[in-house]
Amino acid sequence: MRGLCPAVHAPSLVLHRRDDVLVPSANGRYLAEHLPHARYVELEGADHPPWVGDDERFFDEVERFLGSDHPAPSGTTRLLQALLAADRALDASLLGTMERFRGRPVASRDGTIYAFDGAIRAVECALALMDQQPALRLTVHAGELDIIAGNISGPAADIGAVAVRESPAGQVTVTSVVKDLALGSGLGLADGPTIRLPNGEPLRLFLTTRPARPAGFLGPAQDN
């Protein structure tokens, strides 16, 4: 979930005991460093549950945080979304599939991008689209978008646009953020190409396949 930390814009209080026996305090410090509006307080002691050991300062800090006036976020509206990037505009024959998975086109300077309310739904939609047009290039990413007058921009859109251009034709690729979100979903994931973003940073892509069906599985009931 580390890649999603920058999308949390609510004021945050991270409390951690220095010698916590269950979770290293370095984890708490990482959160505080990567959540945009976080305050870190390191407490004495080794107990993990807040109600064990010296809890007075713990609850004093919580009370102080909740009783403080936190400035309202300002500027560009930002939203965490799953994105499906395509290497071309989708044919009209594919739009019904997009609607079935509740994908919606978004205006972007970076090409053909569709937004979804869940990463797994976006991947399943991409696999269904690939069944219909096997020559497509499709990439699913999840991250934060800047929304200005209905248009989107920001690192998530940039990454999706670059990744789909570098993806192999006939494959649905996902980024490492989506790979982590897919844990437990049953989606098959294999190592794909490593590409370079415009800033030179490497980005590993993963190839997706549908989950294996148990013997005797006939699939979901079809709508009449």
C-alpha atoms as a PDB file:
ATOM      1  CA  MET A   1       0.000   0.000   0.000  1.00  0.00           C
ATOM      2  CA  ARG A   2       3.026   2.315   0.139  1.00  0.00           C
ATOM      3  CA  GLY A   3       2.313   3.768  -3.291  1.00  0.00           C
ATOM      4  CA  LEU A   4      -1.096   4.999  -2.106  1.00  0.00           C
ATOM      5  CA  CYS A   5       0.148   7.014   0.889  1.00  0.00           C
ATOM      6  CA  PRO A   6       0.370  10.319  -1.030  1.00  0.00           C
ATOM      7  CA  ALA A   7      -3.358  10.073  -1.812  1.00  0.00           C
ATOM      8  CA  VAL A   8      -4.337  10.443   1.867  1.00  0.00           C
ATOM      9  CA  HIS A   9      -4.980  14.149   2.395  1.00  0.00           C
ATOM     10  CA  ALA A  10      -6.830  14.012   5.699  1.00  0.00           C
ATOM     11  CA  PRO A  11      -4.779  15.239   8.653  1.00  0.00           C
ATOM     12  CA  SER A  12      -3.240  12.205  10.327  1.00  0.00           C
ATOM     13  CA  LEU A  13      -1.749  11.381  13.704  1.00  0.00           C
ATOM     14  CA  VAL A  14       0.683   8.456  13.832  1.00  0.00           C
ATOM     15  CA  LEU A  15       1.391   7.142  17.330  1.00  0.00           C
ATOM     16  CA  HIS A  16       3.978   4.438  17.908  1.00  0.00           C
ATOM     17  CA  ARG A  17       5.819   3.096  20.927  1.00  0.00           C
ATOM     18  CA  ARG A  18       9.561   3.129  20.488  1.00  0.00           C
ATOM     19  CA  ASP A  19      10.122  -0.535  21.404  1.00  0.00           C
ATOM     20  CA  ASP A  20       6.831  -1.961  20.122  1.00  0.00           C
ATOM     21  CA  VAL A  21       7.113  -5.765  20.314  1.00  0.00           C
ATOM     22  CA  LEU A  22       4.728  -6.404  17.381  1.00  0.00           C
ATOM     23  CA  VAL A  23       5.357  -3.640  14.819  1.00  0.00           C
ATOM     24  CA  PRO A  24       8.714  -1.858  14.447  1.00  0.00           C
ATOM     25  CA  SER A  25       8.594   1.867  15.086  1.00  0.00           C
ATOM     26  CA  ALA A  26      10.251   2.363  11.691  1.00  0.00           C
ATOM     27  CA  ASN A  27       6.876   1.449  10.141  1.00  0.00           C
ATOM     28  CA  GLY A  28       5.192   4.297  11.993  1.00  0.00           C
ATOM     29  CA  ARG A  29       7.901   6.737  10.961  1.00  0.00           C
ATOM     30  CA  TYR A  30       7.513   5.654   7.337  1.00  0.00           C
ATOM     31  CA  LEU A  31       3.786   6.392   7.463  1.00  0.00           C
ATOM     32  CA  ALA A  32       4.350   9.804   8.973  1.00  0.00           C
ATOM     33  CA  GLU A  33       6.955  10.661   6.330  1.00  0.00           C
ATOM     34  CA  HIS A  34       4.777   9.615   3.397  1.00  0.00           C
ATOM     35  CA  LEU A  35       1.307  10.756   4.462  1.00  0.00           C
ATOM     36  CA  PRO A  36       1.152  14.385   3.276  1.00  0.00           C
ATOM     37  CA  HIS A  37      -0.379  15.866   6.451  1.00  0.00           C
ATOM     38  CA  ALA A  38       0.831  13.610   9.240  1.00  0.00           C
ATOM     39  CA  ARG A  39       2.294  14.222  12.675  1.00  0.00           C
ATOM     40  CA  TYR A  40       4.413  11.503  14.280  1.00  0.00           C
ATOM     41  CA  VAL A  41       4.565  10.970  18.028  1.00  0.00           C
ATOM     42  CA  GLU A  42       6.882   8.303  19.424  1.00  0.00           C
ATOM     43  CA  LEU A  43       5.898   7.068  22.850  1.00  0.00           C
ATOM     44  CA  GLU A  44       7.929   5.258  25.471  1.00  0.00           C
ATOM     45  CA  GLY A  45       7.366   1.569  26.051  1.00  0.00           C
ATOM     46  CA  ALA A  46       7.069  -1.756  24.245  1.00  0.00           C
ATOM     47  CA  ASP A  47       3.344  -2.506  24.440  1.00  0.00           C
ATOM     48  CA  HIS A  48       1.385  -2.505  21.202  1.00  0.00           C
ATOM     49  CA  PRO A  49      -2.274  -2.089  22.310  1.00  0.00           C
ATOM     50  CA  PRO A  50      -2.898   1.533  23.372  1.00  0.00           C
ATOM     51  CA  TRP A  51      -4.771   0.494  26.512  1.00  0.00           C
ATOM     52  CA  VAL A  52      -1.806  -1.508  27.870  1.00  0.00           C
ATOM     53  CA  GLY A  53       1.025   0.083  29.799  1.00  0.00           C
ATOM     54  CA  ASP A  54       1.416   3.857  29.945  1.00  0.00           C
ATOM     55  CA  ASP A  55      -1.681   4.977  28.061  1.00  0.00           C
ATOM     56  CA  GLU A  56      -2.091   8.482  29.505  1.00  0.00           C
ATOM     57  CA  ARG A  57       0.071  10.258  26.937  1.00  0.00           C
ATOM     58  CA  PHE A  58      -1.425   8.172  24.126  1.00  0.00           C
ATOM     59  CA  PHE A  59      -4.923   9.415  24.810  1.00  0.00           C
ATOM     60  CA  ASP A  60      -3.710  12.936  25.589  1.00  0.00           C
ATOM     61  CA  GLU A  61      -2.207  13.100  22.082  1.00  0.00           C
ATOM     62  CA  VAL A  62      -5.401  11.744  20.505  1.00  0.00           C
ATOM     63  CA  GLU A  63      -7.527  14.271  22.379  1.00  0.00           C
ATOM     64  CA  ARG A  64      -5.230  17.127  21.373  1.00  0.00           C
ATOM     65  CA  PHE A  65      -5.322  16.020  17.711  1.00  0.00           C
ATOM     66  CA  LEU A  66      -9.106  15.681  17.572  1.00  0.00           C
ATOM     67  CA  GLY A  67      -9.604  18.994  19.323  1.00  0.00           C
ATOM     68  CA  SER A  68      -7.331  20.954  16.993  1.00  0.00           C
ATOM     69  CA  ASP A  69      -8.464  23.075  14.069  1.00  0.00           C
ATOM     70  CA  HIS A  70      -7.116  21.506  10.898  1.00  0.00           C
ATOM     71  CA  PRO A  71      -7.069  23.661   7.768  1.00  0.00           C
ATOM     72  CA  ALA A  72      -9.348  22.486   4.989  1.00  0.00           C
ATOM     73  CA  PRO A  73      -7.499  21.177   1.913  1.00  0.00           C
ATOM     74  CA  SER A  74      -7.345  23.673  -0.895  1.00  0.00           C
ATOM     75  CA  GLY A  75      -6.326  23.781  -4.526  1.00  0.00           C
ATOM     76  CA  THR A  76      -6.922  21.139  -7.154  1.00  0.00           C
ATOM     77  CA  THR A  77      -9.450  18.409  -6.435  1.00  0.00           C
ATOM     78  CA  ARG A  78      -7.700  15.057  -6.100  1.00  0.00           C
ATOM     79  CA  LEU A  79      -9.146  11.586  -6.265  1.00  0.00           C
ATOM     80  CA  LEU A  80      -7.762   8.074  -5.873  1.00  0.00           C
ATOM     81  CA  GLN A  81      -8.868   5.956  -8.839  1.00  0.00           C
ATOM     82  CA  ALA A  82      -8.127   2.777 -10.741  1.00  0.00           C
ATOM     83  CA  LEU A  83      -7.298   3.570 -14.358  1.00  0.00           C
ATOM     84  CA  LEU A  84      -7.409   1.476 -17.503  1.00  0.00           C
ATOM     85  CA  ALA A  85      -5.215   2.951 -20.225  1.00  0.00           C
ATOM     86  CA  ALA A  86      -5.682   1.832 -23.838  1.00  0.00           C
ATOM     87  CA  ASP A  87      -3.323   2.409 -26.738  1.00  0.00           C
ATOM     88  CA  ARG A  88      -6.210   3.563 -28.945  1.00  0.00           C
ATOM     89  CA  ALA A  89      -9.790   4.736 -28.720  1.00  0.00           C
ATOM     90  CA  LEU A  90     -12.068   1.759 -28.166  1.00  0.00           C
ATOM     91  CA  ASP A  91     -14.476   0.735 -30.906  1.00  0.00           C
ATOM     92  CA  ALA A  92     -18.170   1.326 -30.321  1.00  0.00           C
ATOM     93  CA  SER A  93     -18.604  -2.458 -30.117  1.00  0.00           C
ATOM     94  CA  LEU A  94     -16.506  -2.483 -26.913  1.00  0.00           C
ATOM     95  CA  LEU A  95     -18.313   0.274 -25.076  1.00  0.00           C
ATOM     96  CA  GLY A  96     -20.991  -2.108 -23.817  1.00  0.00           C
ATOM     97  CA  THR A  97     -18.294  -4.157 -22.078  1.00  0.00           C
ATOM     98  CA  MET A  98     -16.880  -0.983 -20.538  1.00  0.00           C
ATOM     99  CA  GLU A  99     -20.311  -0.020 -19.219  1.00  0.00           C
ATOM    100  CA  ARG A 100     -20.891  -3.522 -17.826  1.00  0.00           C
ATOM    101  CA  PHE A 101     -17.830  -3.117 -15.610  1.00  0.00           C
ATOM    102  CA  ARG A 102     -18.828   0.469 -14.741  1.00  0.00           C
ATOM    103  CA  GLY A 103     -15.859   2.057 -16.461  1.00  0.00           C
ATOM    104  CA  ARG A 104     -16.176   5.634 -17.622  1.00  0.00           C
ATOM    105  CA  PRO A 105     -14.022   7.624 -20.028  1.00  0.00           C
ATOM    106  CA  VAL A 106     -12.129  10.566 -18.585  1.00  0.00           C
ATOM    107  CA  ALA A 107     -10.716  13.507 -20.471  1.00  0.00           C
ATOM    108  CA  SER A 108      -6.941  13.354 -20.383  1.00  0.00           C
ATOM    109  CA  ARG A 109      -4.102  14.919 -22.300  1.00  0.00           C
ATOM    110  CA  ASP A 110      -2.330  11.553 -22.115  1.00  0.00           C
ATOM    111  CA  GLY A 111      -4.515   9.425 -24.342  1.00  0.00           C
ATOM    112  CA  THR A 112      -7.409   7.022 -23.880  1.00  0.00           C
ATOM    113  CA  ILE A 113      -8.052   6.448 -20.169  1.00  0.00           C
ATOM    114  CA  TYR A 114     -11.034   4.970 -18.347  1.00  0.00           C
ATOM    115  CA  ALA A 115     -11.671   5.281 -14.610  1.00  0.00           C
ATOM    116  CA  PHE A 116     -13.052   2.554 -12.335  1.00  0.00           C
ATOM    117  CA  ASP A 117     -14.014   2.427  -8.680  1.00  0.00           C
ATOM    118  CA  GLY A 118     -11.912  -0.700  -8.127  1.00  0.00           C
ATOM    119  CA  ALA A 119      -8.639  -2.065  -9.486  1.00  0.00           C
ATOM    120  CA  ILE A 120      -9.853  -5.658  -9.816  1.00  0.00           C
ATOM    121  CA  ARG A 121     -12.940  -4.554 -11.761  1.00  0.00           C
ATOM    122  CA  ALA A 122     -10.660  -2.609 -14.113  1.00  0.00           C
ATOM    123  CA  VAL A 123      -8.469  -5.687 -14.688  1.00  0.00           C
ATOM    124  CA  GLU A 124     -11.483  -7.921 -15.315  1.00  0.00           C
ATOM    125  CA  CYS A 125     -12.806  -5.374 -17.800  1.00  0.00           C
ATOM    126  CA  ALA A 126      -9.442  -5.262 -19.566  1.00  0.00           C
ATOM    127  CA  LEU A 127      -9.388  -9.060 -19.887  1.00  0.00           C
ATOM    128  CA  ALA A 128     -12.926  -9.018 -21.323  1.00  0.00           C
ATOM    129  CA  LEU A 129     -11.935  -6.333 -23.818  1.00  0.00           C
ATOM    130  CA  MET A 130      -8.867  -8.332 -24.824  1.00  0.00           C
ATOM    131  CA  ASP A 131     -11.093 -11.330 -25.574  1.00  0.00           C
ATOM    132  CA  GLN A 132     -12.948  -9.181 -28.096  1.00  0.00           C
ATOM    133  CA  GLN A 133      -9.933  -7.405 -29.620  1.00  0.00           C
ATOM    134  CA  PRO A 134      -6.773  -9.449 -28.990  1.00  0.00           C
ATOM    135  CA  ALA A 135      -4.467  -6.868 -30.588  1.00  0.00           C
ATOM    136  CA  LEU A 136      -5.127  -4.195 -27.951  1.00  0.00           C
ATOM    137  CA  ARG A 137      -2.572  -2.927 -25.478  1.00  0.00           C
ATOM    138  CA  LEU A 138      -4.168  -2.352 -22.056  1.00  0.00           C
ATOM    139  CA  THR A 139      -2.624  -1.326 -18.742  1.00  0.00           C
ATOM    140  CA  VAL A 140      -4.257  -0.949 -15.328  1.00  0.00           C
ATOM    141  CA  HIS A 141      -2.803   1.391 -12.717  1.00  0.00           C
ATOM    142  CA  ALA A 142      -4.123   2.939  -9.515  1.00  0.00           C
ATOM    143  CA  GLY A 143      -3.151   6.278  -8.083  1.00  0.00           C
ATOM    144  CA  GLU A 144      -4.046   9.867  -7.447  1.00  0.00           C
ATOM    145  CA  LEU A 145      -5.545  12.123 -10.099  1.00  0.00           C
ATOM    146  CA  ASP A 146      -5.807  15.881 -10.303  1.00  0.00           C
ATOM    147  CA  ILE A 147      -9.245  16.904 -11.569  1.00  0.00           C
ATOM    148  CA  ILE A 148      -9.639  20.347 -13.124  1.00  0.00           C
ATOM    149  CA  ALA A 149     -12.835  21.263 -14.999  1.00  0.00           C
ATOM    150  CA  GLY A 150     -13.543  17.606 -15.709  1.00  0.00           C
ATOM    151  CA  ASN A 151     -10.071  16.895 -17.103  1.00  0.00           C
ATOM    152  CA  ILE A 152      -7.612  14.633 -15.310  1.00  0.00           C
ATOM    153  CA  SER A 153      -3.875  14.875 -14.987  1.00  0.00           C
ATOM    154  CA  GLY A 154      -1.197  13.916 -12.527  1.00  0.00           C
ATOM    155  CA  PRO A 155       1.368  11.142 -12.034  1.00  0.00           C
ATOM    156  CA  ALA A 156      -1.186   8.302 -12.166  1.00  0.00           C
ATOM    157  CA  ALA A 157      -2.418   9.339 -15.611  1.00  0.00           C
ATOM    158  CA  ASP A 158       1.159   9.880 -16.799  1.00  0.00           C
ATOM    159  CA  ILE A 159       2.239   6.419 -15.625  1.00  0.00           C
ATOM    160  CA  GLY A 160      -0.751   4.733 -17.269  1.00  0.00           C
ATOM    161  CA  ALA A 161      -0.106   6.470 -20.579  1.00  0.00           C
ATOM    162  CA  VAL A 162       3.601   5.569 -20.634  1.00  0.00           C
ATOM    163  CA  ALA A 163       3.032   1.987 -19.465  1.00  0.00           C
ATOM    164  CA  VAL A 164       0.435   1.145 -22.108  1.00  0.00           C
ATOM    165  CA  ARG A 165       2.705   2.397 -24.899  1.00  0.00           C
ATOM    166  CA  GLU A 166       5.473   0.081 -23.687  1.00  0.00           C
ATOM    167  CA  SER A 167       3.236  -2.943 -23.017  1.00  0.00           C
ATOM    168  CA  PRO A 168       3.234  -5.923 -25.382  1.00  0.00           C
ATOM    169  CA  ALA A 169       0.293  -6.145 -27.755  1.00  0.00           C
ATOM    170  CA  GLY A 170      -2.336  -8.684 -26.826  1.00  0.00           C
ATOM    171  CA  GLN A 171      -1.524  -8.480 -23.102  1.00  0.00           C
ATOM    172  CA  VAL A 172      -3.165  -6.857 -20.111  1.00  0.00           C
ATOM    173  CA  THR A 173      -0.453  -5.409 -17.905  1.00  0.00           C
ATOM    174  CA  VAL A 174      -0.721  -3.965 -14.414  1.00  0.00           C
ATOM    175  CA  THR A 175       1.613  -1.917 -12.262  1.00  0.00           C
ATOM    176  CA  SER A 176       2.989  -3.014  -8.893  1.00  0.00           C
ATOM    177  CA  VAL A 177       0.338  -0.966  -7.071  1.00  0.00           C
ATOM    178  CA  VAL A 178      -2.427  -2.990  -8.744  1.00  0.00           C
ATOM    179  CA  LYS A 179      -0.476  -6.209  -8.133  1.00  0.00           C
ATOM    180  CA  ASP A 180      -0.577  -5.483  -4.395  1.00  0.00           C
ATOM    181  CA  LEU A 181      -4.272  -4.587  -4.506  1.00  0.00           C
ATOM    182  CA  ALA A 182      -4.980  -7.867  -6.323  1.00  0.00           C
ATOM    183  CA  LEU A 183      -3.646 -10.002  -3.477  1.00  0.00           C
ATOM    184  CA  GLY A 184      -6.206 -12.724  -2.790  1.00  0.00           C
ATOM    185  CA  SER A 185      -8.263 -11.961  -5.899  1.00  0.00           C
ATOM    186  CA  GLY A 186      -7.187 -15.098  -7.756  1.00  0.00           C
ATOM    187  CA  LEU A 187      -5.829 -13.166 -10.718  1.00  0.00           C
ATOM    188  CA  GLY A 188      -2.794 -14.757 -12.311  1.00  0.00           C
ATOM    189  CA  LEU A 189       0.228 -12.447 -12.378  1.00  0.00           C
ATOM    190  CA  ALA A 190       3.572 -13.035 -14.072  1.00  0.00           C
ATOM    191  CA  ASP A 191       6.619 -10.817 -14.427  1.00  0.00           C
ATOM    192  CA  GLY A 192       6.388  -8.511 -17.407  1.00  0.00           C
ATOM    193  CA  PRO A 193       8.720  -5.917 -18.885  1.00  0.00           C
ATOM    194  CA  THR A 194      10.479  -3.220 -16.905  1.00  0.00           C
ATOM    195  CA  ILE A 195      10.025   0.167 -18.526  1.00  0.00           C
ATOM    196  CA  ARG A 196      11.415   3.630 -17.865  1.00  0.00           C
ATOM    197  CA  LEU A 197       9.265   6.571 -16.883  1.00  0.00           C
ATOM    198  CA  PRO A 198      10.108  10.014 -18.304  1.00  0.00           C
ATOM    199  CA  ASN A 199      12.050  10.853 -15.120  1.00  0.00           C
ATOM    200  CA  GLY A 200      14.220   7.755 -15.618  1.00  0.00           C
ATOM    201  CA  GLU A 201      12.632   5.749 -12.811  1.00  0.00           C
ATOM    202  CA  PRO A 202      12.171   2.038 -13.635  1.00  0.00           C
ATOM    203  CA  LEU A 203       8.652   0.610 -13.506  1.00  0.00           C
ATOM    204  CA  ARG A 204       7.986  -3.134 -13.436  1.00  0.00           C
ATOM    205  CA  LEU A 205       4.852  -4.314 -15.210  1.00  0.00           C
ATOM    206  CA  PHE A 206       3.052  -7.603 -14.606  1.00  0.00           C
ATOM    207  CA  LEU A 207       1.122  -9.740 -17.084  1.00  0.00           C
ATOM    208  CA  THR A 208      -2.342 -10.864 -16.004  1.00  0.00           C
ATOM    209  CA  THR A 209      -4.417 -13.957 -16.646  1.00  0.00           C
ATOM    210  CA  ARG A 210      -7.786 -15.008 -15.366  1.00  0.00           C
ATOM    211  CA  PRO A 211      -7.918 -17.063 -12.173  1.00  0.00           C
ATOM    212  CA  ALA A 212      -8.017 -20.801 -12.615  1.00  0.00           C
ATOM    213  CA  ARG A 213     -11.529 -22.221 -12.255  1.00  0.00           C
ATOM    214  CA  PRO A 214     -12.054 -25.265 -10.031  1.00  0.00           C
ATOM    215  CA  ALA A 215     -13.102 -28.511 -11.706  1.00  0.00           C
ATOM    216  CA  GLY A 216     -16.773 -28.531 -12.558  1.00  0.00           C
ATOM    217  CA  PHE A 217     -17.093 -24.741 -12.428  1.00  0.00           C
ATOM    218  CA  LEU A 218     -19.567 -23.600 -15.051  1.00  0.00           C
ATOM    219  CA  GLY A 219     -19.147 -19.858 -14.623  1.00  0.00           C
ATOM    220  CA  PRO A 220     -21.596 -17.218 -13.444  1.00  0.00           C
ATOM    221  CA  ALA A 221     -25.240 -17.403 -14.404  1.00  0.00           C
ATOM    222  CA  GLN A 222     -25.964 -15.447 -17.563  1.00  0.00           C
ATOM    223  CA  ASP A 223     -28.428 -12.582 -17.486  1.00  0.00           C
ATOM    224  CA  ASN A 224     -31.592 -13.124 -19.463  1.00  0.00           C
END
